[in-house]
Amino acid sequence: MADERKGFRLSRRLVLGAAVVGGAVLWGGTTMARLARGPSGPKNAGRIADIDGIALPLKPPENVPAFDPSLPWSARGGDINDASGLSRTPVYGVVEVSEEDHIAKALAFARANGLKVSLAAIRHSMGGHAFDDNALVLDLRKFNKVTVDAAAMTMTLQPGARWHDIQNLLHPRFAVKAMQSTDIFSVGGSLSVNAHGMDHQAGSVAGSIRSMRVMLADGSVSTCSPSENTDLFRHVVGGYGLFGAVLEATLDIVDNVVYRTSREIIRSDDFPRFFADVLEPNKDIGLFYGHLSTAPGNFLEDMIVYRYDKVADQPPADQPEIGEPEGVGLKRVIINLAKLGSVFQELKWFTEKTLEPKFESCTVARTSAMAQGEACLVTRNNPMHDSVPYLFNDLADETDILHEYFIPRAAYVGFINEAREILRNQSLPVLNASVRIVHKEDVALTYAPEPAYSLVLYINQPTDADGNARMRALTRALIDVTIKHGGRFFLPYQLHYTARELLASYPELPAFLAAKRQHDPTELFSSTFYRAIKALSGVA
């Protein structure tokens, strides 16, 4: 009898143990599948409804004008959001632009009916920069033609063209001169924020512009460039779509040179010396990327320096098409696990430091590349052709937010040391941190009045009120330490700053707003962002 009871207890323990193990395996499998899953649709989690205590939503108009049937509406009424998922805004309607005449007719319709107009494409700015309450939104994504002039080494394109598609068109003979560090954005969006990226010599997109044609609020068209109609040029570039609709831009292109890739780990504090001794004097280093550790054990202390040294002016004739990112599911899992705690942050850093080089894609055959031995060789287009699909997920109730801070080069070490302490002593997971090179930028609302380094952060947050409050507090702390060290914060992101912080970072703002009213007296072009910076600056 005792033996039977003992056997029964053993069986029960075995069943219980099997159930626990099976449940763990099932949970783990389900969790991994969820973390690896791509987005089923855009996130639409609500709206951050104020800036520095000033309410952002507007009341709907009492008399809504009838929709012009001659315009190509893709939406009549409804809501729109951006990449943050936290800017849900009701709009009058959305016109799907595919030709210049659509813009002219839409502006005329808006002027006749007292509507505001916003310009939108990929909508990766995160503070209502591409739309406004009750506005007529021009969706420019299909206004995207590109032509290449090989003799002049230029391309002329419409603002909806994506860098990803442009690279596919240019490859294998040519490459983009200046763009953002990933290729998901539209040209119009890049122009509107004066984006910069991996080419530390080329600088921002402003330096690659030959000329632009811009439709102004009254429907007239002006041509501007660094040497013609320069005041308009300096306000359209980096002007957040507030001065007119870019109809086309002519930009420099460059040869699709071959690079030898390499990487080394340095201390973050040693980066200014590395830049001065290695990067800046060596003109054959065509691209650079500095990736900081976000692992708790050496948080923002170690940096992986990726460099690309030129070894040939042109790729081999049989160069394949540009490949898409590989291992997307695994990369997405690693990034999403990093949101769950320090152990997974350490795993992510280990992967980046140790495993990632083993899976590097070398796209130029070694036999064709000037006896480079076992070097990994790529063309310029390869590292710039990354749509970062692994950053986008199907996780509800959370979102990932970009920050960027520009620091005078002499202040880098002091700034990083203080930023490190701020980020360590808060609860939101820092998923990525990188350093880039920025030149002095001569545009009206400049983020770099002198040469600078930029710190780019990618931070996860819950989409509830508590998550927004924590992100707001963190943003303000980082802006304050940036201002302390003579720097500025980037404006395309969430509207968490105060009036004091905005005007301390951008003392040119009152003059910028005065120029806006000069070029657009009725303020036809508008956005939530525009109303926000007006309110903080005290402009009625």
Protein backbone atom coordinates (compact mmCIF):
# COMPACT_ATOMS: atom_id res chain seq x y z
CA MET A 1 0.00 0.00 0.00
CA ALA A 2 2.84 2.36 0.91
CA ASP A 3 4.55 1.56 -2.36
CA GLU A 4 1.35 2.39 -4.23
CA ARG A 5 1.08 5.78 -2.46
CA LYS A 6 4.76 6.47 -3.19
CA GLY A 7 4.24 5.61 -6.84
CA PHE A 8 1.19 7.86 -6.91
CA ARG A 9 3.17 10.76 -5.41
CA LEU A 10 5.96 10.22 -7.90
CA SER A 11 3.48 10.14 -10.75
CA ARG A 12 1.82 13.32 -9.53
CA ARG A 13 5.19 15.07 -9.22
CA LEU A 14 6.13 13.84 -12.68
CA VAL A 15 2.88 15.13 -14.14
CA LEU A 16 3.27 18.45 -12.32
CA GLY A 17 6.88 18.78 -13.44
CA ALA A 18 5.98 17.93 -17.02
CA ALA A 19 3.20 20.49 -16.91
CA VAL A 20 5.55 23.20 -15.62
CA VAL A 21 8.20 22.38 -18.21
CA GLY A 22 5.62 22.16 -20.96
CA GLY A 23 4.06 25.44 -19.88
CA ALA A 24 7.46 27.12 -19.84
CA VAL A 25 8.26 25.80 -23.31
CA LEU A 26 4.85 26.89 -24.58
CA TRP A 27 5.22 30.32 -22.94
CA GLY A 28 8.71 30.67 -24.30
CA GLY A 29 7.66 29.67 -27.78
CA THR A 30 4.66 31.99 -27.73
CA THR A 31 6.73 34.84 -26.34
CA MET A 32 9.49 34.39 -28.93
CA ALA A 33 6.91 34.28 -31.71
CA ARG A 34 5.33 37.48 -30.41
CA LEU A 35 8.70 39.24 -30.12
CA ALA A 36 9.70 38.14 -33.63
CA ARG A 37 6.43 39.19 -35.29
CA GLY A 38 6.43 42.15 -37.64
CA PRO A 39 3.80 44.90 -37.40
CA SER A 40 0.25 43.99 -38.40
CA GLY A 41 -0.47 47.68 -38.91
CA PRO A 42 0.61 51.14 -37.77
CA LYS A 43 0.47 51.87 -34.05
CA ASN A 44 -2.31 54.24 -33.09
CA ALA A 45 -2.14 54.62 -29.31
CA GLY A 46 -3.60 58.06 -28.74
CA ARG A 47 -2.26 61.57 -28.47
CA ILE A 48 0.09 63.57 -26.30
CA ALA A 49 -2.31 66.45 -25.90
CA ASP A 50 -0.19 69.31 -24.57
CA ILE A 51 3.18 70.99 -24.76
CA ASP A 52 4.45 72.61 -21.56
CA GLY A 53 0.86 72.73 -20.28
CA ILE A 54 -0.58 74.29 -23.46
CA ALA A 55 -3.39 72.18 -24.94
CA LEU A 56 -2.80 71.06 -28.53
CA PRO A 57 -6.19 69.74 -29.80
CA LEU A 58 -8.43 72.19 -31.63
CA LYS A 59 -12.20 72.22 -31.83
CA PRO A 60 -13.69 70.95 -35.10
CA PRO A 61 -15.00 73.71 -37.39
CA GLU A 62 -18.69 74.49 -37.19
CA ASN A 63 -19.14 74.54 -40.96
CA VAL A 64 -17.12 71.89 -42.78
CA PRO A 65 -16.67 72.76 -46.47
CA ALA A 66 -17.80 70.24 -49.06
CA PHE A 67 -15.07 68.12 -50.59
CA ASP A 68 -13.93 69.14 -54.08
CA PRO A 69 -14.71 66.07 -56.25
CA SER A 70 -11.90 66.95 -58.66
CA LEU A 71 -9.21 66.30 -56.03
CA PRO A 72 -7.89 62.73 -55.47
CA TRP A 73 -9.03 62.23 -51.87
CA SER A 74 -7.73 59.14 -50.09
CA ALA A 75 -9.60 60.11 -46.90
CA ARG A 76 -12.47 62.45 -46.15
CA GLY A 77 -12.24 63.20 -42.45
CA GLY A 78 -10.78 60.64 -40.09
CA ASP A 79 -7.61 60.56 -38.01
CA ILE A 80 -3.92 60.45 -38.84
CA ASN A 81 -0.87 59.49 -36.77
CA ASP A 82 2.91 59.31 -37.02
CA ALA A 83 5.60 56.73 -36.27
CA SER A 84 5.35 57.29 -32.52
CA GLY A 85 1.71 56.21 -32.49
CA LEU A 86 1.14 59.03 -29.99
CA SER A 87 0.02 61.87 -32.27
CA ARG A 88 -3.47 60.78 -33.33
CA THR A 89 -5.07 63.87 -34.87
CA PRO A 90 -8.40 64.48 -36.63
CA VAL A 91 -7.99 66.00 -40.11
CA TYR A 92 -10.29 67.50 -42.70
CA GLY A 93 -9.10 65.07 -45.34
CA VAL A 94 -6.11 63.63 -47.19
CA VAL A 95 -5.30 64.30 -50.85
CA GLU A 96 -3.14 61.66 -52.52
CA VAL A 97 -0.77 63.72 -54.67
CA SER A 98 0.77 62.17 -57.77
CA GLU A 99 1.26 65.24 -59.95
CA GLU A 100 2.09 68.90 -59.51
CA ASP A 101 -1.39 70.06 -60.49
CA HIS A 102 -2.87 68.23 -57.49
CA ILE A 103 -0.86 70.47 -55.17
CA ALA A 104 -1.89 73.66 -56.97
CA LYS A 105 -5.58 72.71 -56.89
CA ALA A 106 -5.43 71.59 -53.25
CA LEU A 107 -3.81 74.87 -52.15
CA ALA A 108 -6.41 76.87 -54.08
CA PHE A 109 -9.21 74.85 -52.49
CA ALA A 110 -7.73 75.38 -49.01
CA ARG A 111 -7.32 79.13 -49.55
CA ALA A 112 -10.92 79.45 -50.77
CA ASN A 113 -12.32 77.50 -47.80
CA GLY A 114 -10.19 78.72 -44.91
CA LEU A 115 -8.38 75.41 -44.42
CA LYS A 116 -4.81 74.85 -43.27
CA VAL A 117 -2.50 72.60 -45.31
CA SER A 118 0.03 70.08 -44.01
CA LEU A 119 2.63 68.16 -46.00
CA ALA A 120 3.12 64.46 -45.25
CA ALA A 121 4.92 61.40 -46.62
CA ILE A 122 6.41 58.62 -44.46
CA ARG A 123 5.56 60.51 -41.21
CA HIS A 124 8.55 59.48 -39.11
CA SER A 125 8.72 62.77 -37.25
CA MET A 126 7.08 62.20 -33.89
CA GLY A 127 5.30 65.38 -32.83
CA GLY A 128 2.58 66.20 -35.34
CA HIS A 129 5.00 67.74 -37.85
CA ALA A 130 3.13 66.39 -40.91
CA PHE A 131 -0.48 67.21 -40.03
CA ASP A 132 -2.72 69.38 -37.88
CA ASP A 133 -6.21 69.36 -36.44
CA ASN A 134 -8.80 69.87 -39.20
CA ALA A 135 -6.12 70.42 -41.85
CA LEU A 136 -6.06 69.33 -45.47
CA VAL A 137 -3.14 66.92 -45.63
CA LEU A 138 -1.17 66.41 -48.85
CA ASP A 139 0.11 62.82 -48.94
CA LEU A 140 3.16 63.06 -51.19
CA ARG A 141 4.25 59.42 -51.24
CA LYS A 142 3.13 58.86 -54.85
CA PHE A 143 4.68 62.17 -55.98
CA ASN A 144 7.96 60.34 -56.37
CA LYS A 145 9.52 60.48 -59.85
CA VAL A 146 13.32 60.38 -60.13
CA THR A 147 15.53 61.16 -63.11
CA VAL A 148 19.33 60.85 -63.23
CA ASP A 149 21.76 63.05 -65.17
CA ALA A 150 24.93 60.97 -65.30
CA ALA A 151 26.97 63.68 -67.03
CA ALA A 152 26.10 66.30 -64.39
CA MET A 153 26.29 63.78 -61.52
CA THR A 154 22.85 64.84 -60.28
CA MET A 155 19.39 63.42 -59.77
CA THR A 156 16.18 65.41 -59.94
CA LEU A 157 13.35 64.03 -57.88
CA GLN A 158 9.94 64.71 -56.42
CA PRO A 159 9.64 64.89 -52.63
CA GLY A 160 7.76 61.62 -52.13
CA ALA A 161 10.65 59.51 -53.43
CA ARG A 162 12.10 57.22 -50.76
CA TRP A 163 15.85 56.87 -50.35
CA HIS A 164 15.45 53.08 -50.51
CA ASP A 165 13.98 53.26 -54.01
CA ILE A 166 16.46 55.95 -55.10
CA GLN A 167 19.38 53.71 -54.15
CA ASN A 168 17.92 50.82 -56.14
CA LEU A 169 17.68 53.13 -59.14
CA LEU A 170 21.23 54.51 -58.81
CA HIS A 171 22.91 51.16 -58.14
CA PRO A 172 25.41 49.91 -59.24
CA ARG A 173 26.95 52.93 -60.98
CA PHE A 174 26.04 55.76 -58.61
CA ALA A 175 25.18 56.38 -54.96
CA VAL A 176 23.51 59.00 -52.80
CA LYS A 177 25.83 61.71 -51.48
CA ALA A 178 23.95 62.63 -48.29
CA MET A 179 20.91 61.10 -46.61
CA GLN A 180 19.76 59.83 -43.23
CA SER A 181 21.46 56.82 -41.70
CA THR A 182 18.58 54.56 -42.74
CA ASP A 183 16.74 54.64 -46.06
CA ILE A 184 13.12 54.52 -44.94
CA PHE A 185 12.53 58.26 -45.20
CA SER A 186 11.29 60.39 -48.09
CA VAL A 187 13.42 63.05 -49.73
CA GLY A 188 10.87 65.69 -48.78
CA GLY A 189 11.03 64.65 -45.15
CA SER A 190 14.82 64.72 -45.19
CA LEU A 191 14.83 68.20 -46.72
CA SER A 192 12.33 69.45 -44.16
CA VAL A 193 14.55 68.46 -41.21
CA ASN A 194 17.92 68.90 -42.98
CA ALA A 195 18.83 65.30 -42.22
CA HIS A 196 22.36 63.94 -41.89
CA GLY A 197 23.78 60.43 -41.76
CA MET A 198 26.78 58.13 -42.18
CA ASP A 199 28.94 60.25 -44.48
CA HIS A 200 30.82 62.41 -42.02
CA GLN A 201 32.50 64.32 -44.83
CA ALA A 202 29.42 65.14 -46.91
CA GLY A 203 27.46 66.44 -43.93
CA SER A 204 23.74 67.08 -44.11
CA VAL A 205 21.44 66.86 -47.09
CA ALA A 206 21.59 70.68 -47.44
CA GLY A 207 25.13 70.42 -48.76
CA SER A 208 24.05 68.17 -51.64
CA ILE A 209 21.26 70.38 -53.00
CA ARG A 210 21.84 72.09 -56.36
CA SER A 211 18.38 73.70 -56.55
CA MET A 212 14.71 73.30 -55.65
CA ARG A 213 11.38 74.31 -57.13
CA VAL A 214 8.92 75.29 -54.41
CA MET A 215 5.20 76.10 -54.60
CA LEU A 216 4.39 78.90 -52.19
CA ALA A 217 1.14 79.48 -50.31
CA ASP A 218 -0.28 81.74 -53.04
CA GLY A 219 0.27 79.05 -55.68
CA SER A 220 3.28 80.71 -57.31
CA VAL A 221 6.43 78.67 -57.96
CA SER A 222 9.92 79.83 -57.01
CA THR A 223 13.34 78.34 -57.69
CA CYS A 224 15.85 78.54 -54.88
CA SER A 225 19.36 77.27 -54.22
CA PRO A 226 22.42 78.10 -52.11
CA SER A 227 23.12 80.95 -54.56
CA GLU A 228 19.64 81.93 -55.81
CA ASN A 229 16.71 83.14 -53.70
CA THR A 230 18.82 82.16 -50.71
CA ASP A 231 16.47 83.39 -47.99
CA LEU A 232 13.74 81.02 -49.18
CA PHE A 233 16.29 78.22 -49.55
CA ARG A 234 17.52 78.62 -45.95
CA HIS A 235 13.94 78.45 -44.66
CA VAL A 236 12.67 75.57 -46.78
CA VAL A 237 15.65 73.35 -45.87
CA GLY A 238 15.16 72.52 -42.22
CA GLY A 239 11.88 74.44 -42.25
CA TYR A 240 9.56 71.53 -41.42
CA GLY A 241 7.26 72.04 -44.42
CA LEU A 242 6.13 75.48 -43.25
CA PHE A 243 7.34 77.64 -46.14
CA GLY A 244 6.03 75.83 -49.20
CA ALA A 245 5.64 72.52 -50.98
CA VAL A 246 8.81 71.29 -52.68
CA LEU A 247 7.90 70.24 -56.21
CA GLU A 248 11.29 68.87 -57.14
CA ALA A 249 14.88 69.03 -55.96
CA THR A 250 18.12 68.48 -57.82
CA LEU A 251 20.74 66.77 -55.66
CA ASP A 252 24.34 65.69 -56.12
CA ILE A 253 25.11 62.02 -56.60
CA VAL A 254 28.51 60.33 -56.25
CA ASP A 255 30.28 57.25 -57.50
CA ASN A 256 29.34 53.96 -55.88
CA VAL A 257 32.83 53.42 -54.53
CA VAL A 258 34.10 50.19 -52.95
CA TYR A 259 34.94 50.21 -49.25
CA ARG A 260 36.88 47.87 -47.02
CA THR A 261 34.86 47.53 -43.83
CA SER A 262 36.43 47.33 -40.40
CA ARG A 263 35.41 47.81 -36.80
CA GLU A 264 37.11 48.34 -33.49
CA ILE A 265 36.01 48.96 -29.93
CA ILE A 266 37.17 52.14 -28.21
CA ARG A 267 36.23 53.94 -25.04
CA SER A 268 33.59 56.58 -25.53
CA ASP A 269 35.79 59.18 -23.82
CA ASP A 270 38.47 58.49 -26.45
CA PHE A 271 36.17 59.27 -29.36
CA PRO A 272 37.12 62.97 -29.82
CA ARG A 273 40.79 61.98 -30.08
CA PHE A 274 39.89 59.14 -32.48
CA PHE A 275 37.98 61.57 -34.67
CA ALA A 276 40.80 64.11 -34.69
CA ASP A 277 43.60 61.59 -35.26
CA VAL A 278 41.93 58.99 -37.49
CA LEU A 279 38.61 59.99 -39.04
CA GLU A 280 39.04 63.66 -39.86
CA PRO A 281 42.46 63.57 -41.61
CA ASN A 282 41.82 60.39 -43.63
CA LYS A 283 39.72 61.39 -46.63
CA ASP A 284 39.53 57.77 -47.83
CA ILE A 285 37.27 56.90 -44.89
CA GLY A 286 33.99 57.48 -46.69
CA LEU A 287 31.45 56.38 -44.09
CA PHE A 288 31.49 56.14 -40.31
CA TYR A 289 29.15 54.90 -37.61
CA GLY A 290 29.75 54.97 -33.86
CA HIS A 291 27.61 52.55 -31.84
CA LEU A 292 27.62 52.93 -28.05
CA SER A 293 27.00 50.12 -25.60
CA THR A 294 23.62 50.17 -23.88
CA ALA A 295 24.51 47.22 -21.62
CA PRO A 296 24.40 48.12 -17.91
CA GLY A 297 27.95 46.83 -17.35
CA ASN A 298 29.53 49.49 -19.60
CA PHE A 299 26.64 51.79 -20.39
CA LEU A 300 27.69 54.47 -22.94
CA GLU A 301 31.31 53.65 -22.03
CA ASP A 302 32.39 51.38 -24.90
CA MET A 303 31.83 52.23 -28.55
CA ILE A 304 32.01 50.08 -31.68
CA VAL A 305 33.50 52.20 -34.45
CA TYR A 306 32.45 51.05 -37.92
CA ARG A 307 34.56 52.55 -40.69
CA TYR A 308 34.54 52.20 -44.45
CA ASP A 309 37.87 52.84 -46.24
CA LYS A 310 37.81 53.39 -50.00
CA VAL A 311 39.70 50.82 -52.06
CA ALA A 312 38.21 51.37 -55.54
CA ASP A 313 36.28 54.10 -57.34
CA GLN A 314 33.82 51.71 -58.99
CA PRO A 315 32.43 48.26 -58.16
CA PRO A 316 32.99 45.28 -60.47
CA ALA A 317 30.77 45.11 -63.54
CA ASP A 318 28.92 42.08 -62.17
CA GLN A 319 27.94 43.77 -58.90
CA PRO A 320 24.64 42.23 -57.70
CA GLU A 321 21.56 44.17 -56.73
CA ILE A 322 21.56 45.71 -53.27
CA GLY A 323 20.47 43.10 -50.76
CA GLU A 324 17.79 43.57 -48.14
CA PRO A 325 18.56 43.09 -44.40
CA GLU A 326 18.98 39.48 -43.29
CA GLY A 327 18.04 37.81 -40.01
CA VAL A 328 15.20 40.25 -39.44
CA GLY A 329 13.23 38.00 -37.06
CA LEU A 330 16.26 37.23 -34.89
CA LYS A 331 17.32 40.88 -34.73
CA ARG A 332 13.78 41.89 -33.81
CA VAL A 333 13.71 39.33 -30.99
CA ILE A 334 17.02 40.56 -29.60
CA ILE A 335 15.89 44.20 -29.65
CA ASN A 336 12.53 43.40 -28.08
CA LEU A 337 14.13 41.22 -25.39
CA ALA A 338 16.34 44.19 -24.52
CA LYS A 339 13.19 45.95 -23.32
CA LEU A 340 12.80 43.33 -20.56
CA GLY A 341 15.86 44.02 -18.43
CA SER A 342 19.60 44.18 -17.92
CA VAL A 343 20.34 40.52 -18.73
CA PHE A 344 18.91 40.96 -22.20
CA GLN A 345 20.67 44.31 -22.64
CA GLU A 346 23.95 42.51 -21.97
CA LEU A 347 22.94 39.81 -24.47
CA LYS A 348 22.24 42.47 -27.10
CA TRP A 349 25.67 44.05 -26.59
CA PHE A 350 27.37 40.64 -26.73
CA THR A 351 25.58 39.94 -30.00
CA GLU A 352 26.62 43.28 -31.51
CA LYS A 353 30.20 42.99 -30.31
CA THR A 354 30.91 39.30 -30.91
CA LEU A 355 28.36 37.63 -33.17
CA GLU A 356 27.44 40.37 -35.62
CA PRO A 357 30.82 40.40 -37.43
CA LYS A 358 30.48 36.69 -38.18
CA PHE A 359 27.33 37.36 -40.22
CA GLU A 360 28.62 40.41 -42.09
CA SER A 361 27.55 40.50 -45.72
CA CYS A 362 30.50 41.21 -48.03
CA THR A 363 29.04 42.07 -51.42
CA VAL A 364 32.11 42.69 -53.59
CA ALA A 365 34.04 39.60 -54.62
CA ARG A 366 37.54 39.60 -53.12
CA THR A 367 39.03 38.47 -56.43
CA SER A 368 37.72 41.65 -58.03
CA ALA A 369 38.82 44.13 -55.43
CA MET A 370 42.45 44.97 -55.76
CA ALA A 371 44.07 42.13 -53.78
CA GLN A 372 42.44 42.99 -50.49
CA GLY A 373 42.96 39.48 -49.16
CA GLU A 374 40.36 38.47 -46.61
CA ALA A 375 38.94 41.96 -46.20
CA CYS A 376 35.17 42.44 -46.25
CA LEU A 377 34.35 44.66 -49.22
CA VAL A 378 31.09 46.49 -49.93
CA THR A 379 29.94 49.30 -52.17
CA ARG A 380 28.76 52.60 -50.76
CA ASN A 381 25.15 51.65 -51.42
CA ASN A 382 25.26 48.54 -49.22
CA PRO A 383 25.62 49.99 -45.70
CA MET A 384 23.33 52.91 -46.59
CA HIS A 385 20.60 50.54 -47.83
CA ASP A 386 18.98 49.52 -44.55
CA SER A 387 15.25 49.89 -43.98
CA VAL A 388 15.63 48.63 -40.38
CA PRO A 389 12.56 46.33 -40.53
CA TYR A 390 13.72 44.70 -37.28
CA LEU A 391 12.90 47.91 -35.38
CA PHE A 392 9.20 47.62 -36.14
CA ASN A 393 7.07 45.19 -34.15
CA ASP A 394 3.55 44.12 -33.27
CA LEU A 395 3.80 44.80 -29.52
CA ALA A 396 0.74 46.59 -28.22
CA ASP A 397 0.83 49.35 -25.60
CA GLU A 398 4.45 50.35 -26.20
CA THR A 399 6.42 52.40 -28.71
CA ASP A 400 10.03 53.33 -29.49
CA ILE A 401 11.02 56.99 -29.54
CA LEU A 402 13.99 58.75 -31.15
CA HIS A 403 15.99 61.54 -29.53
CA GLU A 404 18.98 63.46 -30.90
CA TYR A 405 21.24 65.96 -29.17
CA PHE A 406 23.93 68.09 -30.83
CA ILE A 407 26.99 68.94 -28.73
CA PRO A 408 29.93 71.26 -29.55
CA ARG A 409 32.86 68.95 -30.13
CA ALA A 410 34.94 70.26 -27.21
CA ALA A 411 32.06 69.48 -24.81
CA TYR A 412 31.53 65.85 -25.83
CA VAL A 413 33.12 64.02 -22.87
CA GLY A 414 31.48 66.14 -20.20
CA PHE A 415 28.11 65.85 -21.89
CA ILE A 416 28.30 62.05 -22.32
CA ASN A 417 29.29 61.59 -18.69
CA GLU A 418 26.28 63.56 -17.46
CA ALA A 419 23.88 62.05 -20.01
CA ARG A 420 25.03 58.59 -18.90
CA GLU A 421 24.01 59.29 -15.31
CA ILE A 422 20.62 60.66 -16.35
CA LEU A 423 19.88 57.62 -18.51
CA ARG A 424 21.11 55.15 -15.87
CA ASN A 425 18.89 56.66 -13.20
CA GLN A 426 15.58 56.38 -15.04
CA SER A 427 13.41 53.40 -15.91
CA LEU A 428 12.80 53.53 -19.68
CA PRO A 429 14.88 50.99 -21.69
CA VAL A 430 17.55 52.55 -23.92
CA LEU A 431 17.62 50.30 -26.99
CA ASN A 432 20.27 52.00 -29.07
CA ALA A 433 22.76 54.84 -28.80
CA SER A 434 25.02 56.16 -31.53
CA VAL A 435 27.35 59.07 -32.23
CA ARG A 436 27.55 60.95 -35.52
CA ILE A 437 29.55 63.81 -36.99
CA VAL A 438 27.80 67.12 -37.71
CA HIS A 439 29.16 70.17 -39.52
CA LYS A 440 28.14 73.78 -39.04
CA GLU A 441 24.75 74.13 -40.75
CA ASP A 442 23.83 77.42 -42.41
CA VAL A 443 20.04 77.17 -42.41
CA ALA A 444 17.58 79.46 -40.65
CA LEU A 445 16.62 77.10 -37.80
CA THR A 446 19.97 75.40 -37.42
CA TYR A 447 20.68 72.57 -35.00
CA ALA A 448 24.44 73.08 -35.43
CA PRO A 449 25.66 76.70 -35.36
CA GLU A 450 29.15 75.21 -34.95
CA PRO A 451 30.72 71.80 -35.70
CA ALA A 452 29.24 69.20 -33.38
CA TYR A 453 28.85 65.58 -32.46
CA SER A 454 25.35 64.21 -32.12
CA LEU A 455 24.07 61.60 -29.70
CA VAL A 456 21.16 59.63 -31.16
CA LEU A 457 19.03 57.58 -28.74
CA TYR A 458 16.27 55.05 -29.35
CA ILE A 459 14.19 54.60 -26.20
CA ASN A 460 11.20 52.39 -25.46
CA GLN A 461 8.16 53.59 -23.51
CA PRO A 462 4.68 52.41 -22.58
CA THR A 463 1.99 54.33 -24.45
CA ASP A 464 -0.07 55.08 -21.33
CA ALA A 465 -0.07 58.33 -19.33
CA ASP A 466 2.69 57.09 -17.04
CA GLY A 467 4.93 56.19 -19.99
CA ASN A 468 4.37 59.62 -21.52
CA ALA A 469 5.13 61.32 -18.20
CA ARG A 470 8.37 59.36 -17.77
CA MET A 471 9.45 60.15 -21.34
CA ARG A 472 8.66 63.82 -20.83
CA ALA A 473 10.76 63.98 -17.66
CA LEU A 474 13.66 62.17 -19.33
CA THR A 475 13.51 64.37 -22.43
CA ARG A 476 13.63 67.55 -20.38
CA ALA A 477 16.54 66.29 -18.29
CA LEU A 478 18.52 65.46 -21.45
CA ILE A 479 17.68 68.81 -23.06
CA ASP A 480 18.81 70.66 -19.94
CA VAL A 481 22.19 68.92 -19.87
CA THR A 482 22.54 69.57 -23.61
CA ILE A 483 21.91 73.29 -23.11
CA LYS A 484 24.33 73.31 -20.17
CA HIS A 485 27.08 72.13 -22.54
CA GLY A 486 26.19 74.64 -25.28
CA GLY A 487 24.27 72.21 -27.49
CA ARG A 488 20.83 71.91 -29.05
CA PHE A 489 18.16 69.21 -29.29
CA PHE A 490 16.64 68.06 -32.60
CA LEU A 491 13.12 69.26 -33.31
CA PRO A 492 11.51 66.39 -35.33
CA TYR A 493 10.66 64.42 -32.22
CA GLN A 494 8.11 64.52 -29.42
CA LEU A 495 6.81 67.83 -28.07
CA HIS A 496 8.07 67.36 -24.51
CA TYR A 497 10.21 70.48 -24.17
CA THR A 498 9.43 73.71 -22.32
CA ALA A 499 9.35 77.26 -23.66
CA ARG A 500 12.61 77.99 -21.82
CA GLU A 501 14.34 74.96 -23.36
CA LEU A 502 13.09 75.73 -26.87
CA LEU A 503 14.24 79.34 -26.87
CA ALA A 504 17.55 78.52 -25.18
CA SER A 505 18.28 75.92 -27.88
CA TYR A 506 16.94 77.98 -30.78
CA PRO A 507 17.34 81.71 -30.11
CA GLU A 508 16.72 82.22 -33.86
CA LEU A 509 13.13 81.02 -33.46
CA PRO A 510 11.46 84.48 -33.32
CA ALA A 511 13.21 85.48 -36.55
CA PHE A 512 12.24 82.13 -38.12
CA LEU A 513 8.58 82.70 -37.22
CA ALA A 514 8.70 86.26 -38.55
CA ALA A 515 10.07 84.95 -41.86
CA LYS A 516 7.29 82.36 -41.92
CA ARG A 517 4.67 85.12 -41.75
CA GLN A 518 6.51 87.07 -44.45
CA HIS A 519 6.58 84.14 -46.89
CA ASP A 520 3.15 82.78 -45.86
CA PRO A 521 1.09 85.72 -44.47
CA THR A 522 -2.10 83.67 -43.97
CA GLU A 523 -0.17 80.77 -42.40
CA LEU A 524 -1.67 78.39 -44.93
CA PHE A 525 1.01 75.77 -44.26
CA SER A 526 0.59 74.54 -40.71
CA SER A 527 1.08 71.60 -38.37
CA THR A 528 0.65 70.72 -34.73
CA PHE A 529 4.40 71.28 -34.36
CA TYR A 530 4.08 74.79 -35.84
CA ARG A 531 1.31 75.76 -33.46
CA ALA A 532 3.36 74.35 -30.58
CA ILE A 533 6.52 76.33 -31.27
CA LYS A 534 4.45 79.46 -31.88
CA ALA A 535 2.72 79.06 -28.54
CA LEU A 536 5.98 78.46 -26.66
CA SER A 537 7.63 81.46 -28.29
CA GLY A 538 4.74 83.73 -27.31
CA VAL A 539 3.72 84.51 -30.91
CA ALA A 540 -0.04 84.97 -31.27
